Amino acid sequence: MYAALSPPPLSSSRRLTTTQSVSAYSAASLAWLAVQAVPLIIWPSLVTTLLRVNTHGSQYATADPSLEQYFARSLGLAQLALGSLLLVLSGALPLDSVADSKPSPNPP
């Protein structure tokens, strides 16, 4: 009864295609997050100027520009960290250590 509900096993070529698509998605996500992060890191004052509402004669105080620059740079670095983490955790960037490899039978 339950055997009919289980999906068929994936062939090796199907697994390879799935792995390639995950790797491509991870790389594209990193690229998109990097495109968003670079202006935030390099020109935080430009980004905050574009997003700031004109408040001449307004009763609301504006935030300190240095605080806005700090938050913009923090957001940019967080986006780069998120993209890098996505790339590493998806397996697209293999991180093997030398200790995990088989030792050679004849040490130098």
PDB file of N, CA and C in Angstrom:
ATOM      1  N   MET A   1       0.822  -1.195   0.000  1.00  0.00           N
ATOM      2  CA  MET A   1       0.000   0.000   0.000  1.00  0.00           C
ATOM      3  C   MET A   1       0.868   1.261   0.000  1.00  0.00           C
ATOM      4  N   TYR A   2       1.881   1.292   0.867  1.00  0.00           N
ATOM      5  CA  TYR A   2       2.728   2.476   0.945  1.00  0.00           C
ATOM      6  C   TYR A   2       3.761   2.525  -0.170  1.00  0.00           C
ATOM      7  N   ALA A   3       4.075   1.385  -0.756  1.00  0.00           N
ATOM      8  CA  ALA A   3       5.067   1.355  -1.823  1.00  0.00           C
ATOM      9  C   ALA A   3       4.586   2.126  -3.049  1.00  0.00           C
ATOM     10  N   ALA A   4       3.297   2.156  -3.265  1.00  0.00           N
ATOM     11  CA  ALA A   4       2.759   2.874  -4.421  1.00  0.00           C
ATOM     12  C   ALA A   4       2.862   4.390  -4.241  1.00  0.00           C
ATOM     13  N   LEU A   5       2.926   4.849  -3.000  1.00  0.00           N
ATOM     14  CA  LEU A   5       2.984   6.283  -2.728  1.00  0.00           C
ATOM     15  C   LEU A   5       4.394   6.838  -2.742  1.00  0.00           C
ATOM     16  N   SER A   6       5.401   5.973  -2.631  1.00  0.00           N
ATOM     17  CA  SER A   6       6.778   6.465  -2.581  1.00  0.00           C
ATOM     18  C   SER A   6       7.247   6.831  -3.990  1.00  0.00           C
ATOM     19  N   PRO A   7       8.050   7.891  -4.109  1.00  0.00           N
ATOM     20  CA  PRO A   7       8.527   8.294  -5.431  1.00  0.00           C
ATOM     21  C   PRO A   7       9.571   7.305  -5.938  1.00  0.00           C
ATOM     22  N   PRO A   8       9.718   7.219  -7.234  1.00  0.00           N
ATOM     23  CA  PRO A   8      10.731   6.308  -7.772  1.00  0.00           C
ATOM     24  C   PRO A   8      12.126   6.817  -7.430  1.00  0.00           C
ATOM     25  N   PRO A   9      13.092   5.925  -7.296  1.00  0.00           N
ATOM     26  CA  PRO A   9      14.458   6.372  -6.982  1.00  0.00           C
ATOM     27  C   PRO A   9      15.038   7.182  -8.127  1.00  0.00           C
ATOM     28  N   LEU A  10      15.838   8.170  -7.767  1.00  0.00           N
ATOM     29  CA  LEU A  10      16.454   9.022  -8.776  1.00  0.00           C
ATOM     30  C   LEU A  10      17.642   8.326  -9.411  1.00  0.00           C
ATOM     31  N   SER A  11      17.766   8.465 -10.694  1.00  0.00           N
ATOM     32  CA  SER A  11      18.933   7.919 -11.365  1.00  0.00           C
ATOM     33  C   SER A  11      20.126   8.836 -11.098  1.00  0.00           C
ATOM     34  N   SER A  12      21.318   8.355 -11.395  1.00  0.00           N
ATOM     35  CA  SER A  12      22.517   9.154 -11.123  1.00  0.00           C
ATOM     36  C   SER A  12      22.549  10.416 -11.976  1.00  0.00           C
ATOM     37  N   SER A  13      22.042  10.343 -13.219  1.00  0.00           N
ATOM     38  CA  SER A  13      22.029  11.551 -14.058  1.00  0.00           C
ATOM     39  C   SER A  13      21.029  12.566 -13.523  1.00  0.00           C
ATOM     40  N   ARG A  14      19.932  12.086 -12.958  1.00  0.00           N
ATOM     41  CA  ARG A  14      18.935  12.993 -12.381  1.00  0.00           C
ATOM     42  C   ARG A  14      19.503  13.683 -11.136  1.00  0.00           C
ATOM     43  N   ARG A  15      20.256  12.941 -10.314  1.00  0.00           N
ATOM     44  CA  ARG A  15      20.877  13.524  -9.136  1.00  0.00           C
ATOM     45  C   ARG A  15      21.894  14.585  -9.522  1.00  0.00           C
ATOM     46  N   LEU A  16      22.646  14.315 -10.581  1.00  0.00           N
ATOM     47  CA  LEU A  16      23.638  15.271 -11.043  1.00  0.00           C
ATOM     48  C   LEU A  16      22.973  16.555 -11.514  1.00  0.00           C
ATOM     49  N   THR A  17      21.854  16.441 -12.212  1.00  0.00           N
ATOM     50  CA  THR A  17      21.135  17.611 -12.682  1.00  0.00           C
ATOM     51  C   THR A  17      20.580  18.411 -11.504  1.00  0.00           C
ATOM     52  N   THR A  18      20.081  17.719 -10.495  1.00  0.00           N
ATOM     53  CA  THR A  18      19.558  18.405  -9.312  1.00  0.00           C
ATOM     54  C   THR A  18      20.683  19.137  -8.589  1.00  0.00           C
ATOM     55  N   THR A  19      21.843  18.509  -8.469  1.00  0.00           N
ATOM     56  CA  THR A  19      22.982  19.138  -7.814  1.00  0.00           C
ATOM     57  C   THR A  19      23.453  20.359  -8.595  1.00  0.00           C
ATOM     58  N   GLN A  20      23.472  20.251  -9.904  1.00  0.00           N
ATOM     59  CA  GLN A  20      23.887  21.390 -10.719  1.00  0.00           C
ATOM     60  C   GLN A  20      22.900  22.542 -10.607  1.00  0.00           C
ATOM     61  N   SER A  21      21.612  22.230 -10.526  1.00  0.00           N
ATOM     62  CA  SER A  21      20.636  23.307 -10.425  1.00  0.00           C
ATOM     63  C   SER A  21      20.716  24.001  -9.063  1.00  0.00           C
ATOM     64  N   VAL A  22      20.985  23.243  -8.007  1.00  0.00           N
ATOM     65  CA  VAL A  22      21.157  23.852  -6.678  1.00  0.00           C
ATOM     66  C   VAL A  22      22.403  24.723  -6.660  1.00  0.00           C
ATOM     67  N   SER A  23      23.471  24.249  -7.276  1.00  0.00           N
ATOM     68  CA  SER A  23      24.703  25.038  -7.344  1.00  0.00           C
ATOM     69  C   SER A  23      24.498  26.319  -8.147  1.00  0.00           C
ATOM     70  N   ALA A  24      23.777  26.218  -9.252  1.00  0.00           N
ATOM     71  CA  ALA A  24      23.503  27.398 -10.068  1.00  0.00           C
ATOM     72  C   ALA A  24      22.636  28.397  -9.311  1.00  0.00           C
ATOM     73  N   TYR A  25      21.632  27.900  -8.582  1.00  0.00           N
ATOM     74  CA  TYR A  25      20.779  28.786  -7.786  1.00  0.00           C
ATOM     75  C   TYR A  25      21.592  29.479  -6.696  1.00  0.00           C
ATOM     76  N   SER A  26      22.474  28.746  -6.037  1.00  0.00           N
ATOM     77  CA  SER A  26      23.291  29.321  -4.972  1.00  0.00           C
ATOM     78  C   SER A  26      24.232  30.392  -5.515  1.00  0.00           C
ATOM     79  N   ALA A  27      24.842  30.115  -6.663  1.00  0.00           N
ATOM     80  CA  ALA A  27      25.745  31.098  -7.259  1.00  0.00           C
ATOM     81  C   ALA A  27      24.982  32.334  -7.727  1.00  0.00           C
ATOM     82  N   ALA A  28      23.804  32.142  -8.286  1.00  0.00           N
ATOM     83  CA  ALA A  28      23.000  33.284  -8.725  1.00  0.00           C
ATOM     84  C   ALA A  28      22.517  34.107  -7.532  1.00  0.00           C
ATOM     85  N   SER A  29      22.165  33.447  -6.451  1.00  0.00           N
ATOM     86  CA  SER A  29      21.748  34.176  -5.240  1.00  0.00           C
ATOM     87  C   SER A  29      22.900  34.980  -4.661  1.00  0.00           C
ATOM     88  N   LEU A  30      24.088  34.391  -4.642  1.00  0.00           N
ATOM     89  CA  LEU A  30      25.256  35.129  -4.166  1.00  0.00           C
ATOM     90  C   LEU A  30      25.529  36.335  -5.057  1.00  0.00           C
ATOM     91  N   ALA A  31      25.409  36.155  -6.363  1.00  0.00           N
ATOM     92  CA  ALA A  31      25.652  37.276  -7.282  1.00  0.00           C
ATOM     93  C   ALA A  31      24.630  38.392  -7.060  1.00  0.00           C
ATOM     94  N   TRP A  32      23.360  38.040  -6.899  1.00  0.00           N
ATOM     95  CA  TRP A  32      22.326  39.053  -6.691  1.00  0.00           C
ATOM     96  C   TRP A  32      22.528  39.779  -5.362  1.00  0.00           C
ATOM     97  N   LEU A  33      22.842  39.048  -4.315  1.00  0.00           N
ATOM     98  CA  LEU A  33      23.088  39.686  -3.023  1.00  0.00           C
ATOM     99  C   LEU A  33      24.337  40.555  -3.068  1.00  0.00           C
ATOM    100  N   ALA A  34      25.345  40.151  -3.838  1.00  0.00           N
ATOM    101  CA  ALA A  34      26.554  40.967  -3.970  1.00  0.00           C
ATOM    102  C   ALA A  34      26.273  42.250  -4.737  1.00  0.00           C
ATOM    103  N   VAL A  35      25.421  42.165  -5.758  1.00  0.00           N
ATOM    104  CA  VAL A  35      25.044  43.374  -6.509  1.00  0.00           C
ATOM    105  C   VAL A  35      24.326  44.365  -5.591  1.00  0.00           C
ATOM    106  N   GLN A  36      23.521  43.870  -4.696  1.00  0.00           N
ATOM    107  CA  GLN A  36      22.834  44.745  -3.746  1.00  0.00           C
ATOM    108  C   GLN A  36      23.770  45.251  -2.658  1.00  0.00           C
ATOM    109  N   ALA A  37      24.752  44.436  -2.267  1.00  0.00           N
ATOM    110  CA  ALA A  37      25.604  44.781  -1.128  1.00  0.00           C
ATOM    111  C   ALA A  37      26.707  45.767  -1.473  1.00  0.00           C
ATOM    112  N   VAL A  38      27.232  45.707  -2.682  1.00  0.00           N
ATOM    113  CA  VAL A  38      28.379  46.554  -3.032  1.00  0.00           C
ATOM    114  C   VAL A  38      28.064  48.042  -2.894  1.00  0.00           C
ATOM    115  N   PRO A  39      26.942  48.553  -3.423  1.00  0.00           N
ATOM    116  CA  PRO A  39      26.660  49.988  -3.201  1.00  0.00           C
ATOM    117  C   PRO A  39      26.453  50.336  -1.732  1.00  0.00           C
ATOM    118  N   LEU A  40      25.886  49.410  -0.962  1.00  0.00           N
ATOM    119  CA  LEU A  40      25.688  49.681   0.462  1.00  0.00           C
ATOM    120  C   LEU A  40      27.009  49.782   1.208  1.00  0.00           C
ATOM    121  N   ILE A  41      27.991  49.006   0.798  1.00  0.00           N
ATOM    122  CA  ILE A  41      29.284  49.015   1.483  1.00  0.00           C
ATOM    123  C   ILE A  41      30.148  50.185   1.014  1.00  0.00           C
ATOM    124  N   ILE A  42      30.169  50.423  -0.300  1.00  0.00           N
ATOM    125  CA  ILE A  42      31.074  51.439  -0.840  1.00  0.00           C
ATOM    126  C   ILE A  42      30.499  52.854  -0.720  1.00  0.00           C
ATOM    127  N   TRP A  43      29.217  53.032  -1.063  1.00  0.00           N
ATOM    128  CA  TRP A  43      28.597  54.366  -1.048  1.00  0.00           C
ATOM    129  C   TRP A  43      27.360  54.378  -0.155  1.00  0.00           C
ATOM    130  N   PRO A  44      27.488  54.220   1.152  1.00  0.00           N
ATOM    131  CA  PRO A  44      26.286  54.213   2.000  1.00  0.00           C
ATOM    132  C   PRO A  44      25.580  55.563   2.026  1.00  0.00           C
ATOM    133  N   SER A  45      26.328  56.657   1.860  1.00  0.00           N
ATOM    134  CA  SER A  45      25.676  57.972   1.888  1.00  0.00           C
ATOM    135  C   SER A  45      24.811  58.184   0.647  1.00  0.00           C
ATOM    136  N   LEU A  46      25.229  57.638  -0.511  1.00  0.00           N
ATOM    137  CA  LEU A  46      24.426  57.749  -1.721  1.00  0.00           C
ATOM    138  C   LEU A  46      23.101  57.013  -1.562  1.00  0.00           C
ATOM    139  N   VAL A  47      23.167  55.811  -1.025  1.00  0.00           N
ATOM    140  CA  VAL A  47      21.959  55.009  -0.858  1.00  0.00           C
ATOM    141  C   VAL A  47      21.008  55.673   0.136  1.00  0.00           C
ATOM    142  N   THR A  48      21.530  56.169   1.247  1.00  0.00           N
ATOM    143  CA  THR A  48      20.659  56.807   2.226  1.00  0.00           C
ATOM    144  C   THR A  48      20.103  58.125   1.706  1.00  0.00           C
ATOM    145  N   THR A  49      20.853  58.832   0.865  1.00  0.00           N
ATOM    146  CA  THR A  49      20.342  60.063   0.268  1.00  0.00           C
ATOM    147  C   THR A  49      19.192  59.766  -0.685  1.00  0.00           C
ATOM    148  N   LEU A  50      19.307  58.685  -1.448  1.00  0.00           N
ATOM    149  CA  LEU A  50      18.233  58.317  -2.365  1.00  0.00           C
ATOM    150  C   LEU A  50      16.961  57.897  -1.629  1.00  0.00           C
ATOM    151  N   LEU A  51      17.113  57.326  -0.457  1.00  0.00           N
ATOM    152  CA  LEU A  51      15.954  56.833   0.289  1.00  0.00           C
ATOM    153  C   LEU A  51      15.383  57.847   1.281  1.00  0.00           C
ATOM    154  N   ARG A  52      16.099  58.926   1.511  1.00  0.00           N
ATOM    155  CA  ARG A  52      15.669  59.901   2.509  1.00  0.00           C
ATOM    156  C   ARG A  52      14.512  60.748   1.984  1.00  0.00           C
ATOM    157  N   VAL A  53      13.548  60.996   2.841  1.00  0.00           N
ATOM    158  CA  VAL A  53      12.417  61.845   2.509  1.00  0.00           C
ATOM    159  C   VAL A  53      12.801  63.289   2.824  1.00  0.00           C
ATOM    160  N   ASN A  54      12.419  64.201   1.960  1.00  0.00           N
ATOM    161  CA  ASN A  54      12.722  65.612   2.183  1.00  0.00           C
ATOM    162  C   ASN A  54      11.947  66.094   3.405  1.00  0.00           C
ATOM    163  N   THR A  55      12.652  66.499   4.454  1.00  0.00           N
ATOM    164  CA  THR A  55      11.998  66.862   5.716  1.00  0.00           C
ATOM    165  C   THR A  55      12.234  68.322   6.091  1.00  0.00           C
ATOM    166  N   HIS A  56      12.346  69.211   5.113  1.00  0.00           N
ATOM    167  CA  HIS A  56      12.522  70.631   5.438  1.00  0.00           C
ATOM    168  C   HIS A  56      11.238  71.153   6.083  1.00  0.00           C
ATOM    169  N   GLY A  57      11.382  71.702   7.260  1.00  0.00           N
ATOM    170  CA  GLY A  57      10.238  72.246   7.972  1.00  0.00           C
ATOM    171  C   GLY A  57       9.380  71.184   8.622  1.00  0.00           C
ATOM    172  N   SER A  58       9.867  69.974   8.686  1.00  0.00           N
ATOM    173  CA  SER A  58       9.099  68.892   9.286  1.00  0.00           C
ATOM    174  C   SER A  58       9.378  68.837  10.784  1.00  0.00           C
ATOM    175  N   GLN A  59       8.440  68.289  11.509  1.00  0.00           N
ATOM    176  CA  GLN A  59       8.610  68.175  12.947  1.00  0.00           C
ATOM    177  C   GLN A  59       9.412  66.928  13.329  1.00  0.00           C
ATOM    178  N   TYR A  60       9.657  66.037  12.369  1.00  0.00           N
ATOM    179  CA  TYR A  60      10.373  64.811  12.655  1.00  0.00           C
ATOM    180  C   TYR A  60      11.870  65.028  12.477  1.00  0.00           C
ATOM    181  N   ALA A  61      12.624  64.554  13.435  1.00  0.00           N
ATOM    182  CA  ALA A  61      14.081  64.679  13.358  1.00  0.00           C
ATOM    183  C   ALA A  61      14.628  63.552  12.486  1.00  0.00           C
ATOM    184  N   THR A  62      15.686  63.853  11.752  1.00  0.00           N
ATOM    185  CA  THR A  62      16.319  62.817  10.936  1.00  0.00           C
ATOM    186  C   THR A  62      17.383  62.112  11.755  1.00  0.00           C
ATOM    187  N   ALA A  63      17.694  60.903  11.344  1.00  0.00           N
ATOM    188  CA  ALA A  63      18.719  60.123  12.044  1.00  0.00           C
ATOM    189  C   ALA A  63      20.098  60.694  11.733  1.00  0.00           C
ATOM    190  N   ASP A  64      21.018  60.379  12.581  1.00  0.00           N
ATOM    191  CA  ASP A  64      22.404  60.794  12.393  1.00  0.00           C
ATOM    192  C   ASP A  64      22.963  60.128  11.135  1.00  0.00           C
ATOM    193  N   PRO A  65      23.594  60.881  10.233  1.00  0.00           N
ATOM    194  CA  PRO A  65      24.116  60.269   9.003  1.00  0.00           C
ATOM    195  C   PRO A  65      25.144  59.166   9.260  1.00  0.00           C
ATOM    196  N   SER A  66      25.930  59.300  10.318  1.00  0.00           N
ATOM    197  CA  SER A  66      26.906  58.243  10.598  1.00  0.00           C
ATOM    198  C   SER A  66      26.201  56.946  11.015  1.00  0.00           C
ATOM    199  N   LEU A  67      25.070  57.072  11.703  1.00  0.00           N
ATOM    200  CA  LEU A  67      24.296  55.888  12.077  1.00  0.00           C
ATOM    201  C   LEU A  67      23.690  55.236  10.840  1.00  0.00           C
ATOM    202  N   GLU A  68      23.206  56.049   9.900  1.00  0.00           N
ATOM    203  CA  GLU A  68      22.662  55.518   8.657  1.00  0.00           C
ATOM    204  C   GLU A  68      23.747  54.804   7.855  1.00  0.00           C
ATOM    205  N   GLN A  69      24.943  55.373   7.819  1.00  0.00           N
ATOM    206  CA  GLN A  69      26.038  54.732   7.099  1.00  0.00           C
ATOM    207  C   GLN A  69      26.435  53.415   7.766  1.00  0.00           C
ATOM    208  N   TYR A  70      26.421  53.404   9.083  1.00  0.00           N
ATOM    209  CA  TYR A  70      26.746  52.169   9.807  1.00  0.00           C
ATOM    210  C   TYR A  70      25.740  51.074   9.474  1.00  0.00           C
ATOM    211  N   PHE A  71      24.450  51.400   9.507  1.00  0.00           N
ATOM    212  CA  PHE A  71      23.423  50.404   9.213  1.00  0.00           C
ATOM    213  C   PHE A  71      23.482  49.947   7.753  1.00  0.00           C
ATOM    214  N   ALA A  72      23.787  50.851   6.835  1.00  0.00           N
ATOM    215  CA  ALA A  72      23.900  50.479   5.427  1.00  0.00           C
ATOM    216  C   ALA A  72      25.067  49.525   5.215  1.00  0.00           C
ATOM    217  N   ARG A  73      26.201  49.834   5.805  1.00  0.00           N
ATOM    218  CA  ARG A  73      27.359  48.945   5.665  1.00  0.00           C
ATOM    219  C   ARG A  73      27.119  47.610   6.358  1.00  0.00           C
ATOM    220  N   SER A  74      26.455  47.633   7.495  1.00  0.00           N
ATOM    221  CA  SER A  74      26.138  46.384   8.192  1.00  0.00           C
ATOM    222  C   SER A  74      25.209  45.517   7.356  1.00  0.00           C
ATOM    223  N   LEU A  75      24.226  46.126   6.721  1.00  0.00           N
ATOM    224  CA  LEU A  75      23.320  45.378   5.862  1.00  0.00           C
ATOM    225  C   LEU A  75      24.056  44.798   4.666  1.00  0.00           C
ATOM    226  N   GLY A  76      24.968  45.564   4.069  1.00  0.00           N
ATOM    227  CA  GLY A  76      25.745  45.070   2.944  1.00  0.00           C
ATOM    228  C   GLY A  76      26.613  43.883   3.324  1.00  0.00           C
ATOM    229  N   LEU A  77      27.284  43.966   4.454  1.00  0.00           N
ATOM    230  CA  LEU A  77      28.118  42.852   4.905  1.00  0.00           C
ATOM    231  C   LEU A  77      27.276  41.636   5.276  1.00  0.00           C
ATOM    232  N   ALA A  78      26.094  41.872   5.847  1.00  0.00           N
ATOM    233  CA  ALA A  78      25.200  40.757   6.176  1.00  0.00           C
ATOM    234  C   ALA A  78      24.706  40.064   4.906  1.00  0.00           C
ATOM    235  N   GLN A  79      24.450  40.833   3.851  1.00  0.00           N
ATOM    236  CA  GLN A  79      24.023  40.222   2.590  1.00  0.00           C
ATOM    237  C   GLN A  79      25.141  39.378   1.988  1.00  0.00           C
ATOM    238  N   LEU A  80      26.370  39.854   2.046  1.00  0.00           N
ATOM    239  CA  LEU A  80      27.493  39.062   1.547  1.00  0.00           C
ATOM    240  C   LEU A  80      27.692  37.801   2.378  1.00  0.00           C
ATOM    241  N   ALA A  81      27.536  37.916   3.680  1.00  0.00           N
ATOM    242  CA  ALA A  81      27.676  36.744   4.551  1.00  0.00           C
ATOM    243  C   ALA A  81      26.576  35.728   4.266  1.00  0.00           C
ATOM    244  N   LEU A  82      25.353  36.196   4.058  1.00  0.00           N
ATOM    245  CA  LEU A  82      24.240  35.297   3.758  1.00  0.00           C
ATOM    246  C   LEU A  82      24.453  34.584   2.429  1.00  0.00           C
ATOM    247  N   GLY A  83      24.899  35.305   1.422  1.00  0.00           N
ATOM    248  CA  GLY A  83      25.166  34.687   0.127  1.00  0.00           C
ATOM    249  C   GLY A  83      26.291  33.680   0.197  1.00  0.00           C
ATOM    250  N   SER A  84      27.341  33.993   0.935  1.00  0.00           N
ATOM    251  CA  SER A  84      28.456  33.060   1.088  1.00  0.00           C
ATOM    252  C   SER A  84      28.034  31.818   1.860  1.00  0.00           C
ATOM    253  N   LEU A  85      27.242  32.004   2.894  1.00  0.00           N
ATOM    254  CA  LEU A  85      26.749  30.875   3.674  1.00  0.00           C
ATOM    255  C   LEU A  85      25.858  29.977   2.824  1.00  0.00           C
ATOM    256  N   LEU A  86      25.023  30.572   2.001  1.00  0.00           N
ATOM    257  CA  LEU A  86      24.170  29.802   1.102  1.00  0.00           C
ATOM    258  C   LEU A  86      25.004  28.978   0.130  1.00  0.00           C
ATOM    259  N   LEU A  87      26.052  29.560  -0.389  1.00  0.00           N
ATOM    260  CA  LEU A  87      26.924  28.857  -1.326  1.00  0.00           C
ATOM    261  C   LEU A  87      27.639  27.685  -0.649  1.00  0.00           C
ATOM    262  N   VAL A  88      28.107  27.886   0.557  1.00  0.00           N
ATOM    263  CA  VAL A  88      28.832  26.827   1.272  1.00  0.00           C
ATOM    264  C   VAL A  88      27.877  25.718   1.708  1.00  0.00           C
ATOM    265  N   LEU A  89      26.717  26.068   2.263  1.00  0.00           N
ATOM    266  CA  LEU A  89      25.805  25.053   2.778  1.00  0.00           C
ATOM    267  C   LEU A  89      25.107  24.274   1.675  1.00  0.00           C
ATOM    268  N   SER A  90      25.039  24.809   0.476  1.00  0.00           N
ATOM    269  CA  SER A  90      24.413  24.072  -0.622  1.00  0.00           C
ATOM    270  C   SER A  90      25.346  23.005  -1.179  1.00  0.00           C
ATOM    271  N   GLY A  91      26.614  23.076  -0.848  1.00  0.00           N
ATOM    272  CA  GLY A  91      27.576  22.102  -1.344  1.00  0.00           C
ATOM    273  C   GLY A  91      28.224  22.513  -2.644  1.00  0.00           C
ATOM    274  N   ALA A  92      27.904  23.690  -3.143  1.00  0.00           N
ATOM    275  CA  ALA A  92      28.499  24.155  -4.394  1.00  0.00           C
ATOM    276  C   ALA A  92      29.969  24.479  -4.210  1.00  0.00           C
ATOM    277  N   LEU A  93      30.349  24.845  -3.013  1.00  0.00           N
ATOM    278  CA  LEU A  93      31.741  25.136  -2.691  1.00  0.00           C
ATOM    279  C   LEU A  93      32.207  24.089  -1.680  1.00  0.00           C
ATOM    280  N   PRO A  94      32.859  23.036  -2.137  1.00  0.00           N
ATOM    281  CA  PRO A  94      33.242  21.973  -1.204  1.00  0.00           C
ATOM    282  C   PRO A  94      34.344  22.434  -0.260  1.00  0.00           C
ATOM    283  N   LEU A  95      34.150  22.173   0.989  1.00  0.00           N
ATOM    284  CA  LEU A  95      35.133  22.538   2.009  1.00  0.00           C
ATOM    285  C   LEU A  95      35.616  21.270   2.701  1.00  0.00           C
ATOM    286  N   ASP A  96      36.575  20.617   2.105  1.00  0.00           N
ATOM    287  CA  ASP A  96      37.168  19.420   2.692  1.00  0.00           C
ATOM    288  C   ASP A  96      38.493  19.784   3.321  1.00  0.00           C
ATOM    289  N   SER A  97      38.791  19.124   4.423  1.00  0.00           N
ATOM    290  CA  SER A  97      40.075  19.361   5.065  1.00  0.00           C
ATOM    291  C   SER A  97      41.057  18.282   4.666  1.00  0.00           C
ATOM    292  N   VAL A  98      42.296  18.540   4.895  1.00  0.00           N
ATOM    293  CA  VAL A  98      43.340  17.570   4.584  1.00  0.00           C
ATOM    294  C   VAL A  98      43.225  16.372   5.513  1.00  0.00           C
ATOM    295  N   ALA A  99      42.748  16.578   6.731  1.00  0.00           N
ATOM    296  CA  ALA A  99      42.632  15.492   7.704  1.00  0.00           C
ATOM    297  C   ALA A  99      41.565  14.482   7.285  1.00  0.00           C
ATOM    298  N   ASP A 100      40.589  14.880   6.474  1.00  0.00           N
ATOM    299  CA  ASP A 100      39.541  13.972   6.038  1.00  0.00           C
ATOM    300  C   ASP A 100      39.993  13.039   4.923  1.00  0.00           C
ATOM    301  N   SER A 101      41.064  13.371   4.243  1.00  0.00           N
ATOM    302  CA  SER A 101      41.517  12.531   3.138  1.00  0.00           C
ATOM    303  C   SER A 101      42.263  11.308   3.685  1.00  0.00           C
ATOM    304  N   LYS A 102      42.380  10.286   2.831  1.00  0.00           N
ATOM    305  CA  LYS A 102      43.062   9.072   3.260  1.00  0.00           C
ATOM    306  C   LYS A 102      44.555   9.349   3.433  1.00  0.00           C
ATOM    307  N   PRO A 103      45.136   8.837   4.497  1.00  0.00           N
ATOM    308  CA  PRO A 103      46.592   9.016   4.655  1.00  0.00           C
ATOM    309  C   PRO A 103      47.339   8.125   3.662  1.00  0.00           C
ATOM    310  N   SER A 104      48.447   8.603   3.210  1.00  0.00           N
ATOM    311  CA  SER A 104      49.251   7.818   2.272  1.00  0.00           C
ATOM    312  C   SER A 104      49.945   6.688   3.020  1.00  0.00           C
ATOM    313  N   PRO A 105      50.085   5.518   2.377  1.00  0.00           N
ATOM    314  CA  PRO A 105      50.707   4.390   3.098  1.00  0.00           C
ATOM    315  C   PRO A 105      52.199   4.608   3.358  1.00  0.00           C
ATOM    316  N   ASN A 106      52.851   5.408   2.547  1.00  0.00           N
ATOM    317  CA  ASN A 106      54.281   5.668   2.735  1.00  0.00           C
ATOM    318  C   ASN A 106      54.506   7.119   3.136  1.00  0.00           C
ATOM    319  N   PRO A 107      54.567   7.398   4.439  1.00  0.00           N
ATOM    320  CA  PRO A 107      54.786   8.795   4.834  1.00  0.00           C
ATOM    321  C   PRO A 107      56.202   9.248   4.468  1.00  0.00           C
ATOM    322  N   PRO A 108      56.399  10.531   4.201  1.00  0.00           N
ATOM    323  CA  PRO A 108      57.723  11.033   3.800  1.00  0.00           C
ATOM    324  C   PRO A 108      58.723  10.984   4.924  1.00  0.00           C
TER     325      PRO A 108
END
